[in-house]
């Protein structure tokens, strides 16, 4: 369980960092920083769908649920970071 929490924390930091870097590289284009979150949403939805519908022998359903959880954590962290960069950071700039 500790490893899973560390992996999820690493994913959170990774996608927040990617969103921040995209914000620094292309500050004029507001939608670019939401691309990693959008890709994670699509991948998480796909794995969640495949976990519910495809019935394979063994633990494939459980693995798909765990991958969906990881991608949805990436979606959440990227989205929250993008929203913070859009709404809170401009208030603190002089």
PDB file of N, CA and C in Angstrom:
ATOM      1  N   UNK A   1       0.816  -1.195   0.000  1.00  0.00           N
ATOM      2  CA  UNK A   1       0.000   0.000   0.000  1.00  0.00           C
ATOM      3  C   UNK A   1       0.856   1.253   0.000  1.00  0.00           C
ATOM      4  N   UNK A   2       1.992   1.182   0.696  1.00  0.00           N
ATOM      5  CA  UNK A   2       2.876   2.339   0.731  1.00  0.00           C
ATOM      6  C   UNK A   2       3.457   2.637  -0.650  1.00  0.00           C
ATOM      7  N   UNK A   3       3.764   1.593  -1.392  1.00  0.00           N
ATOM      8  CA  UNK A   3       4.302   1.785  -2.749  1.00  0.00           C
ATOM      9  C   UNK A   3       3.278   2.440  -3.656  1.00  0.00           C
ATOM     10  N   UNK A   4       2.026   2.021  -3.541  1.00  0.00           N
ATOM     11  CA  UNK A   4       0.977   2.604  -4.371  1.00  0.00           C
ATOM     12  C   UNK A   4       0.805   4.089  -4.072  1.00  0.00           C
ATOM     13  N   UNK A   5       0.845   4.455  -2.794  1.00  0.00           N
ATOM     14  CA  UNK A   5       0.726   5.867  -2.438  1.00  0.00           C
ATOM     15  C   UNK A   5       1.906   6.678  -2.960  1.00  0.00           C
ATOM     16  N   UNK A   6       3.103   6.105  -2.905  1.00  0.00           N
ATOM     17  CA  UNK A   6       4.274   6.805  -3.452  1.00  0.00           C
ATOM     18  C   UNK A   6       4.180   6.945  -4.969  1.00  0.00           C
ATOM     19  N   UNK A   7       3.678   5.926  -5.635  1.00  0.00           N
ATOM     20  CA  UNK A   7       3.503   5.997  -7.086  1.00  0.00           C
ATOM     21  C   UNK A   7       2.478   7.061  -7.439  1.00  0.00           C
ATOM     22  N   UNK A   8       1.363   7.107  -6.706  1.00  0.00           N
ATOM     23  CA  UNK A   8       0.340   8.114  -6.967  1.00  0.00           C
ATOM     24  C   UNK A   8       0.854   9.524  -6.679  1.00  0.00           C
ATOM     25  N   UNK A   9       1.650   9.682  -5.642  1.00  0.00           N
ATOM     26  CA  UNK A   9       2.255  10.979  -5.342  1.00  0.00           C
ATOM     27  C   UNK A   9       3.238  11.377  -6.443  1.00  0.00           C
ATOM     28  N   UNK A  10       3.992  10.425  -6.959  1.00  0.00           N
ATOM     29  CA  UNK A  10       4.899  10.702  -8.075  1.00  0.00           C
ATOM     30  C   UNK A  10       4.155  11.115  -9.330  1.00  0.00           C
ATOM     31  N   UNK A  11       3.034  10.462  -9.604  1.00  0.00           N
ATOM     32  CA  UNK A  11       2.218  10.833 -10.764  1.00  0.00           C
ATOM     33  C   UNK A  11       1.667  12.232 -10.587  1.00  0.00           C
ATOM     34  N   UNK A  12       1.233  12.556  -9.377  1.00  0.00           N
ATOM     35  CA  UNK A  12       0.713  13.885  -9.083  1.00  0.00           C
ATOM     36  C   UNK A  12       1.769  14.947  -9.335  1.00  0.00           C
ATOM     37  N   UNK A  13       2.975  14.715  -8.854  1.00  0.00           N
ATOM     38  CA  UNK A  13       4.063  15.668  -9.051  1.00  0.00           C
ATOM     39  C   UNK A  13       4.461  15.752 -10.526  1.00  0.00           C
ATOM     40  N   UNK A  14       4.486  14.623 -11.209  1.00  0.00           N
ATOM     41  CA  UNK A  14       4.874  14.593 -12.612  1.00  0.00           C
ATOM     42  C   UNK A  14       3.920  15.416 -13.474  1.00  0.00           C
ATOM     43  N   UNK A  15       2.627  15.184 -13.332  1.00  0.00           N
ATOM     44  CA  UNK A  15       1.680  15.897 -14.182  1.00  0.00           C
ATOM     45  C   UNK A  15       1.516  17.353 -13.783  1.00  0.00           C
ATOM     46  N   UNK A  16       1.701  17.672 -12.519  1.00  0.00           N
ATOM     47  CA  UNK A  16       1.717  19.075 -12.124  1.00  0.00           C
ATOM     48  C   UNK A  16       2.935  19.779 -12.723  1.00  0.00           C
ATOM     49  N   UNK A  17       4.074  19.095 -12.731  1.00  0.00           N
ATOM     50  CA  UNK A  17       5.279  19.669 -13.332  1.00  0.00           C
ATOM     51  C   UNK A  17       5.164  19.851 -14.832  1.00  0.00           C
ATOM     52  N   UNK A  18       4.577  18.879 -15.511  1.00  0.00           N
ATOM     53  CA  UNK A  18       4.382  18.999 -16.958  1.00  0.00           C
ATOM     54  C   UNK A  18       3.454  20.170 -17.272  1.00  0.00           C
ATOM     55  N   UNK A  19       2.391  20.310 -16.499  1.00  0.00           N
ATOM     56  CA  UNK A  19       1.456  21.415 -16.710  1.00  0.00           C
ATOM     57  C   UNK A  19       2.146  22.754 -16.472  1.00  0.00           C
ATOM     58  N   UNK A  20       2.951  22.833 -15.425  1.00  0.00           N
ATOM     59  CA  UNK A  20       3.676  24.067 -15.132  1.00  0.00           C
ATOM     60  C   UNK A  20       4.668  24.405 -16.246  1.00  0.00           C
ATOM     61  N   UNK A  21       5.397  23.397 -16.736  1.00  0.00           N
ATOM     62  CA  UNK A  21       6.355  23.639 -17.818  1.00  0.00           C
ATOM     63  C   UNK A  21       5.666  24.094 -19.098  1.00  0.00           C
ATOM     64  N   UNK A  22       4.527  23.499 -19.421  1.00  0.00           N
ATOM     65  CA  UNK A  22       3.783  23.942 -20.603  1.00  0.00           C
ATOM     66  C   UNK A  22       3.265  25.368 -20.429  1.00  0.00           C
ATOM     67  N   UNK A  23       2.916  25.744 -19.214  1.00  0.00           N
ATOM     68  CA  UNK A  23       2.479  27.112 -18.936  1.00  0.00           C
ATOM     69  C   UNK A  23       3.632  28.100 -19.113  1.00  0.00           C
ATOM     70  N   UNK A  24       4.844  27.688 -18.730  1.00  0.00           N
ATOM     71  CA  UNK A  24       6.008  28.566 -18.877  1.00  0.00           C
ATOM     72  C   UNK A  24       6.458  28.673 -20.329  1.00  0.00           C
ATOM     73  N   UNK A  25       6.323  27.607 -21.095  1.00  0.00           N
ATOM     74  CA  UNK A  25       6.774  27.597 -22.488  1.00  0.00           C
ATOM     75  C   UNK A  25       5.818  28.378 -23.376  1.00  0.00           C
ATOM     76  N   UNK A  26       4.521  28.177 -23.194  1.00  0.00           N
ATOM     77  CA  UNK A  26       3.526  28.845 -24.037  1.00  0.00           C
ATOM     78  C   UNK A  26       2.543  29.618 -23.154  1.00  0.00           C
ATOM     79  N   UNK A  27       2.948  30.782 -22.632  1.00  0.00           N
ATOM     80  CA  UNK A  27       2.060  31.498 -21.701  1.00  0.00           C
ATOM     81  C   UNK A  27       0.843  32.128 -22.377  1.00  0.00           C
ATOM     82  N   UNK A  28       0.915  32.392 -23.663  1.00  0.00           N
ATOM     83  CA  UNK A  28      -0.207  33.049 -24.353  1.00  0.00           C
ATOM     84  C   UNK A  28      -1.335  32.080 -24.711  1.00  0.00           C
ATOM     85  N   UNK A  29      -0.969  30.838 -24.952  1.00  0.00           N
ATOM     86  CA  UNK A  29      -1.963  29.825 -25.340  1.00  0.00           C
ATOM     87  C   UNK A  29      -2.440  29.133 -24.058  1.00  0.00           C
ATOM     88  N   UNK A  30      -3.671  29.391 -23.666  1.00  0.00           N
ATOM     89  CA  UNK A  30      -4.168  28.894 -22.381  1.00  0.00           C
ATOM     90  C   UNK A  30      -4.542  27.411 -22.410  1.00  0.00           C
ATOM     91  N   UNK A  31      -4.902  26.887 -23.563  1.00  0.00           N
ATOM     92  CA  UNK A  31      -5.378  25.506 -23.613  1.00  0.00           C
ATOM     93  C   UNK A  31      -4.264  24.466 -23.689  1.00  0.00           C
ATOM     94  N   UNK A  32      -3.035  24.882 -23.976  1.00  0.00           N
ATOM     95  CA  UNK A  32      -1.934  23.920 -24.120  1.00  0.00           C
ATOM     96  C   UNK A  32      -1.648  23.224 -22.799  1.00  0.00           C
ATOM     97  N   UNK A  33      -1.772  23.947 -21.702  1.00  0.00           N
ATOM     98  CA  UNK A  33      -1.441  23.336 -20.412  1.00  0.00           C
ATOM     99  C   UNK A  33      -2.460  22.293 -19.958  1.00  0.00           C
ATOM    100  N   UNK A  34      -3.612  22.260 -20.591  1.00  0.00           N
ATOM    101  CA  UNK A  34      -4.621  21.265 -20.232  1.00  0.00           C
ATOM    102  C   UNK A  34      -4.517  19.985 -21.066  1.00  0.00           C
ATOM    103  N   UNK A  35      -3.621  19.915 -22.028  1.00  0.00           N
ATOM    104  CA  UNK A  35      -3.492  18.724 -22.866  1.00  0.00           C
ATOM    105  C   UNK A  35      -3.081  17.466 -22.092  1.00  0.00           C
ATOM    106  N   UNK A  36      -2.091  17.526 -21.183  1.00  0.00           N
ATOM    107  CA  UNK A  36      -1.776  16.294 -20.433  1.00  0.00           C
ATOM    108  C   UNK A  36      -2.952  15.792 -19.601  1.00  0.00           C
ATOM    109  N   UNK A  37      -3.706  16.716 -19.008  1.00  0.00           N
ATOM    110  CA  UNK A  37      -4.872  16.306 -18.219  1.00  0.00           C
ATOM    111  C   UNK A  37      -5.939  15.679 -19.109  1.00  0.00           C
ATOM    112  N   UNK A  38      -6.119  16.233 -20.285  1.00  0.00           N
ATOM    113  CA  UNK A  38      -7.120  15.694 -21.209  1.00  0.00           C
ATOM    114  C   UNK A  38      -6.726  14.302 -21.698  1.00  0.00           C
ATOM    115  N   UNK A  39      -5.446  14.115 -21.998  1.00  0.00           N
ATOM    116  CA  UNK A  39      -4.975  12.794 -22.414  1.00  0.00           C
ATOM    117  C   UNK A  39      -5.118  11.771 -21.287  1.00  0.00           C
ATOM    118  N   UNK A  40      -4.850  12.192 -20.069  1.00  0.00           N
ATOM    119  CA  UNK A  40      -5.032  11.296 -18.923  1.00  0.00           C
ATOM    120  C   UNK A  40      -6.493  10.938 -18.718  1.00  0.00           C
ATOM    121  N   UNK A  41      -7.390  11.892 -18.961  1.00  0.00           N
ATOM    122  CA  UNK A  41      -8.812  11.609 -18.829  1.00  0.00           C
ATOM    123  C   UNK A  41      -9.248  10.558 -19.841  1.00  0.00           C
ATOM    124  N   UNK A  42      -8.805  10.695 -21.082  1.00  0.00           N
ATOM    125  CA  UNK A  42      -9.162   9.707 -22.104  1.00  0.00           C
ATOM    126  C   UNK A  42      -8.572   8.335 -21.792  1.00  0.00           C
ATOM    127  N   UNK A  43      -7.311   8.292 -21.368  1.00  0.00           N
ATOM    128  CA  UNK A  43      -6.678   7.009 -21.046  1.00  0.00           C
ATOM    129  C   UNK A  43      -7.333   6.378 -19.822  1.00  0.00           C
ATOM    130  N   UNK A  44      -7.628   7.173 -18.801  1.00  0.00           N
ATOM    131  CA  UNK A  44      -8.295   6.650 -17.609  1.00  0.00           C
ATOM    132  C   UNK A  44      -9.683   6.132 -17.917  1.00  0.00           C
ATOM    133  N   UNK A  45     -10.411   6.842 -18.761  1.00  0.00           N
ATOM    134  CA  UNK A  45     -11.733   6.369 -19.174  1.00  0.00           C
ATOM    135  C   UNK A  45     -11.660   5.077 -19.950  1.00  0.00           C
ATOM    136  N   UNK A  46     -10.647   4.958 -20.820  1.00  0.00           N
ATOM    137  CA  UNK A  46     -10.478   3.731 -21.591  1.00  0.00           C
ATOM    138  C   UNK A  46     -10.200   2.538 -20.677  1.00  0.00           C
ATOM    139  N   UNK A  47      -9.280   2.704 -19.730  1.00  0.00           N
ATOM    140  CA  UNK A  47      -8.950   1.590 -18.841  1.00  0.00           C
ATOM    141  C   UNK A  47     -10.107   1.249 -17.911  1.00  0.00           C
ATOM    142  N   UNK A  48     -10.859   2.244 -17.492  1.00  0.00           N
ATOM    143  CA  UNK A  48     -12.025   1.969 -16.667  1.00  0.00           C
ATOM    144  C   UNK A  48     -13.093   1.221 -17.462  1.00  0.00           C
ATOM    145  N   UNK A  49     -13.287   1.634 -18.700  1.00  0.00           N
ATOM    146  CA  UNK A  49     -14.241   0.946 -19.570  1.00  0.00           C
ATOM    147  C   UNK A  49     -13.805  -0.491 -19.842  1.00  0.00           C
ATOM    148  N   UNK A  50     -12.519  -0.679 -20.122  1.00  0.00           N
ATOM    149  CA  UNK A  50     -12.046  -2.035 -20.413  1.00  0.00           C
ATOM    150  C   UNK A  50     -12.070  -2.912 -19.162  1.00  0.00           C
ATOM    151  N   UNK A  51     -11.934  -2.323 -17.992  1.00  0.00           N
ATOM    152  CA  UNK A  51     -12.031  -3.117 -16.766  1.00  0.00           C
ATOM    153  C   UNK A  51     -13.457  -3.582 -16.525  1.00  0.00           C
ATOM    154  N   UNK A  52     -14.430  -2.778 -16.947  1.00  0.00           N
ATOM    155  CA  UNK A  52     -15.825  -3.153 -16.725  1.00  0.00           C
ATOM    156  C   UNK A  52     -16.363  -4.122 -17.777  1.00  0.00           C
ATOM    157  N   UNK A  53     -15.850  -4.031 -19.003  1.00  0.00           N
ATOM    158  CA  UNK A  53     -16.454  -4.805 -20.075  1.00  0.00           C
ATOM    159  C   UNK A  53     -15.661  -6.033 -20.480  1.00  0.00           C
ATOM    160  N   UNK A  54     -14.367  -5.942 -20.590  1.00  0.00           N
ATOM    161  CA  UNK A  54     -13.550  -7.055 -21.070  1.00  0.00           C
ATOM    162  C   UNK A  54     -13.270  -7.999 -19.906  1.00  0.00           C
ATOM    163  N   UNK A  55     -13.654  -9.245 -20.068  1.00  0.00           N
ATOM    164  CA  UNK A  55     -13.438 -10.231 -19.018  1.00  0.00           C
ATOM    165  C   UNK A  55     -12.355 -11.202 -19.464  1.00  0.00           C
ATOM    166  N   UNK A  56     -11.194 -11.016 -18.889  1.00  0.00           N
ATOM    167  CA  UNK A  56     -10.027 -11.823 -19.232  1.00  0.00           C
ATOM    168  C   UNK A  56      -9.671 -12.657 -17.997  1.00  0.00           C
ATOM    169  N   UNK A  57      -9.036 -13.758 -18.225  1.00  0.00           N
ATOM    170  CA  UNK A  57      -8.608 -14.613 -17.125  1.00  0.00           C
ATOM    171  C   UNK A  57      -7.589 -13.898 -16.245  1.00  0.00           C
ATOM    172  N   UNK A  58      -7.615 -14.168 -14.990  1.00  0.00           N
ATOM    173  CA  UNK A  58      -6.614 -13.638 -14.076  1.00  0.00           C
ATOM    174  C   UNK A  58      -6.983 -12.278 -13.515  1.00  0.00           C
ATOM    175  N   UNK A  59      -5.952 -11.496 -13.272  1.00  0.00           N
ATOM    176  CA  UNK A  59      -6.112 -10.215 -12.611  1.00  0.00           C
ATOM    177  C   UNK A  59      -6.072  -9.039 -13.576  1.00  0.00           C
ATOM    178  N   UNK A  60      -6.436  -9.247 -14.822  1.00  0.00           N
ATOM    179  CA  UNK A  60      -6.377  -8.175 -15.810  1.00  0.00           C
ATOM    180  C   UNK A  60      -7.374  -7.058 -15.483  1.00  0.00           C
ATOM    181  N   UNK A  61      -8.541  -7.414 -14.944  1.00  0.00           N
ATOM    182  CA  UNK A  61      -9.523  -6.401 -14.572  1.00  0.00           C
ATOM    183  C   UNK A  61      -8.998  -5.513 -13.449  1.00  0.00           C
ATOM    184  N   UNK A  62      -8.358  -6.119 -12.470  1.00  0.00           N
ATOM    185  CA  UNK A  62      -7.787  -5.361 -11.364  1.00  0.00           C
ATOM    186  C   UNK A  62      -6.660  -4.445 -11.848  1.00  0.00           C
ATOM    187  N   UNK A  63      -5.841  -4.936 -12.746  1.00  0.00           N
ATOM    188  CA  UNK A  63      -4.763  -4.116 -13.304  1.00  0.00           C
ATOM    189  C   UNK A  63      -5.333  -2.932 -14.082  1.00  0.00           C
ATOM    190  N   UNK A  64      -6.414  -3.153 -14.822  1.00  0.00           N
ATOM    191  CA  UNK A  64      -7.030  -2.046 -15.558  1.00  0.00           C
ATOM    192  C   UNK A  64      -7.631  -1.008 -14.611  1.00  0.00           C
ATOM    193  N   UNK A  65      -8.186  -1.432 -13.509  1.00  0.00           N
ATOM    194  CA  UNK A  65      -8.729  -0.487 -12.525  1.00  0.00           C
ATOM    195  C   UNK A  65      -7.604   0.335 -11.900  1.00  0.00           C
ATOM    196  N   UNK A  66      -6.494  -0.306 -11.591  1.00  0.00           N
ATOM    197  CA  UNK A  66      -5.365   0.417 -11.000  1.00  0.00           C
ATOM    198  C   UNK A  66      -4.783   1.409 -12.001  1.00  0.00           C
ATOM    199  N   UNK A  67      -4.659   1.021 -13.266  1.00  0.00           N
ATOM    200  CA  UNK A  67      -4.177   1.952 -14.288  1.00  0.00           C
ATOM    201  C   UNK A  67      -5.148   3.109 -14.486  1.00  0.00           C
ATOM    202  N   UNK A  68      -6.439   2.823 -14.440  1.00  0.00           N
ATOM    203  CA  UNK A  68      -7.434   3.889 -14.551  1.00  0.00           C
ATOM    204  C   UNK A  68      -7.298   4.860 -13.390  1.00  0.00           C
ATOM    205  N   UNK A  69      -7.085   4.347 -12.202  1.00  0.00           N
ATOM    206  CA  UNK A  69      -6.908   5.209 -11.037  1.00  0.00           C
ATOM    207  C   UNK A  69      -5.672   6.087 -11.193  1.00  0.00           C
ATOM    208  N   UNK A  70      -4.602   5.530 -11.707  1.00  0.00           N
ATOM    209  CA  UNK A  70      -3.379   6.304 -11.902  1.00  0.00           C
ATOM    210  C   UNK A  70      -3.588   7.417 -12.925  1.00  0.00           C
ATOM    211  N   UNK A  71      -4.229   7.098 -14.035  1.00  0.00           N
ATOM    212  CA  UNK A  71      -4.467   8.122 -15.051  1.00  0.00           C
ATOM    213  C   UNK A  71      -5.453   9.179 -14.565  1.00  0.00           C
ATOM    214  N   UNK A  72      -6.438   8.800 -13.785  1.00  0.00           N
ATOM    215  CA  UNK A  72      -7.388   9.786 -13.281  1.00  0.00           C
ATOM    216  C   UNK A  72      -6.764  10.680 -12.213  1.00  0.00           C
ATOM    217  N   UNK A  73      -5.784  10.175 -11.467  1.00  0.00           N
ATOM    218  CA  UNK A  73      -5.014  11.024 -10.553  1.00  0.00           C
ATOM    219  C   UNK A  73      -4.203  12.039 -11.367  1.00  0.00           C
ATOM    220  N   UNK A  74      -3.625  11.605 -12.474  1.00  0.00           N
ATOM    221  CA  UNK A  74      -2.908  12.526 -13.362  1.00  0.00           C
ATOM    222  C   UNK A  74      -3.832  13.579 -13.936  1.00  0.00           C
ATOM    223  N   UNK A  75      -5.054  13.186 -14.288  1.00  0.00           N
ATOM    224  CA  UNK A  75      -6.041  14.142 -14.787  1.00  0.00           C
ATOM    225  C   UNK A  75      -6.383  15.177 -13.718  1.00  0.00           C
ATOM    226  N   UNK A  76      -6.616  14.720 -12.511  1.00  0.00           N
ATOM    227  CA  UNK A  76      -6.966  15.640 -11.426  1.00  0.00           C
ATOM    228  C   UNK A  76      -5.851  16.611 -11.099  1.00  0.00           C
ATOM    229  N   UNK A  77      -4.623  16.118 -11.018  1.00  0.00           N
ATOM    230  CA  UNK A  77      -3.513  17.002 -10.670  1.00  0.00           C
ATOM    231  C   UNK A  77      -3.213  17.996 -11.787  1.00  0.00           C
ATOM    232  N   UNK A  78      -3.282  17.558 -13.034  1.00  0.00           N
ATOM    233  CA  UNK A  78      -3.065  18.479 -14.147  1.00  0.00           C
ATOM    234  C   UNK A  78      -4.144  19.533 -14.248  1.00  0.00           C
ATOM    235  N   UNK A  79      -5.385  19.142 -14.008  1.00  0.00           N
ATOM    236  CA  UNK A  79      -6.496  20.092 -14.076  1.00  0.00           C
ATOM    237  C   UNK A  79      -6.425  21.114 -12.951  1.00  0.00           C
ATOM    238  N   UNK A  80      -6.154  20.652 -11.741  1.00  0.00           N
ATOM    239  CA  UNK A  80      -6.071  21.574 -10.605  1.00  0.00           C
ATOM    240  C   UNK A  80      -4.897  22.526 -10.766  1.00  0.00           C
ATOM    241  N   UNK A  81      -3.766  22.030 -11.237  1.00  0.00           N
ATOM    242  CA  UNK A  81      -2.619  22.902 -11.467  1.00  0.00           C
ATOM    243  C   UNK A  81      -2.926  23.930 -12.546  1.00  0.00           C
ATOM    244  N   UNK A  82      -3.579  23.520 -13.617  1.00  0.00           N
ATOM    245  CA  UNK A  82      -3.958  24.463 -14.665  1.00  0.00           C
ATOM    246  C   UNK A  82      -4.913  25.526 -14.167  1.00  0.00           C
ATOM    247  N   UNK A  83      -5.876  25.131 -13.359  1.00  0.00           N
ATOM    248  CA  UNK A  83      -6.819  26.103 -12.812  1.00  0.00           C
ATOM    249  C   UNK A  83      -6.140  27.069 -11.849  1.00  0.00           C
ATOM    250  N   UNK A  84      -5.211  26.573 -11.058  1.00  0.00           N
ATOM    251  CA  UNK A  84      -4.453  27.455 -10.160  1.00  0.00           C
ATOM    252  C   UNK A  84      -3.636  28.454 -10.970  1.00  0.00           C
ATOM    253  N   UNK A  85      -3.001  27.982 -12.036  1.00  0.00           N
ATOM    254  CA  UNK A  85      -2.208  28.884 -12.866  1.00  0.00           C
ATOM    255  C   UNK A  85      -3.076  29.902 -13.591  1.00  0.00           C
ATOM    256  N   UNK A  86      -4.302  29.538 -13.912  1.00  0.00           N
ATOM    257  CA  UNK A  86      -5.200  30.470 -14.600  1.00  0.00           C
ATOM    258  C   UNK A  86      -5.797  31.513 -13.678  1.00  0.00           C
ATOM    259  N   UNK A  87      -6.194  31.112 -12.478  1.00  0.00           N
ATOM    260  CA  UNK A  87      -6.983  32.009 -11.646  1.00  0.00           C
ATOM    261  C   UNK A  87      -6.234  32.614 -10.459  1.00  0.00           C
ATOM    262  N   UNK A  88      -5.307  31.895  -9.851  1.00  0.00           N
ATOM    263  CA  UNK A  88      -4.637  32.432  -8.670  1.00  0.00           C
ATOM    264  C   UNK A  88      -3.341  33.169  -8.967  1.00  0.00           C
ATOM    265  N   UNK A  89      -2.563  32.693  -9.926  1.00  0.00           N
ATOM    266  CA  UNK A  89      -1.275  33.312 -10.207  1.00  0.00           C
ATOM    267  C   UNK A  89      -1.411  34.727 -10.763  1.00  0.00           C
ATOM    268  N   UNK A  90      -2.359  35.029 -11.668  1.00  0.00           N
ATOM    269  CA  UNK A  90      -2.484  36.413 -12.149  1.00  0.00           C
ATOM    270  C   UNK A  90      -2.861  37.414 -11.062  1.00  0.00           C
ATOM    271  N   UNK A  91      -3.495  36.981 -10.004  1.00  0.00           N
ATOM    272  CA  UNK A  91      -3.850  37.892  -8.908  1.00  0.00           C
ATOM    273  C   UNK A  91      -2.627  38.343  -8.127  1.00  0.00           C
ATOM    274  N   UNK A  92      -1.603  37.508  -8.060  1.00  0.00           N
ATOM    275  CA  UNK A  92      -0.429  37.837  -7.272  1.00  0.00           C
ATOM    276  C   UNK A  92       0.676  38.526  -8.070  1.00  0.00           C
ATOM    277  N   UNK A  93       0.525  38.617  -9.382  1.00  0.00           N
ATOM    278  CA  UNK A  93       1.528  39.311 -10.200  1.00  0.00           C
ATOM    279  C   UNK A  93       1.345  40.822 -10.050  1.00  0.00           C
ATOM    280  N   UNK A  94       2.445  41.573  -9.961  1.00  0.00           N
ATOM    281  CA  UNK A  94       2.324  43.032  -9.827  1.00  0.00           C
ATOM    282  C   UNK A  94       1.911  43.716 -11.098  1.00  0.00           C
TER     283      UNK A  94
END
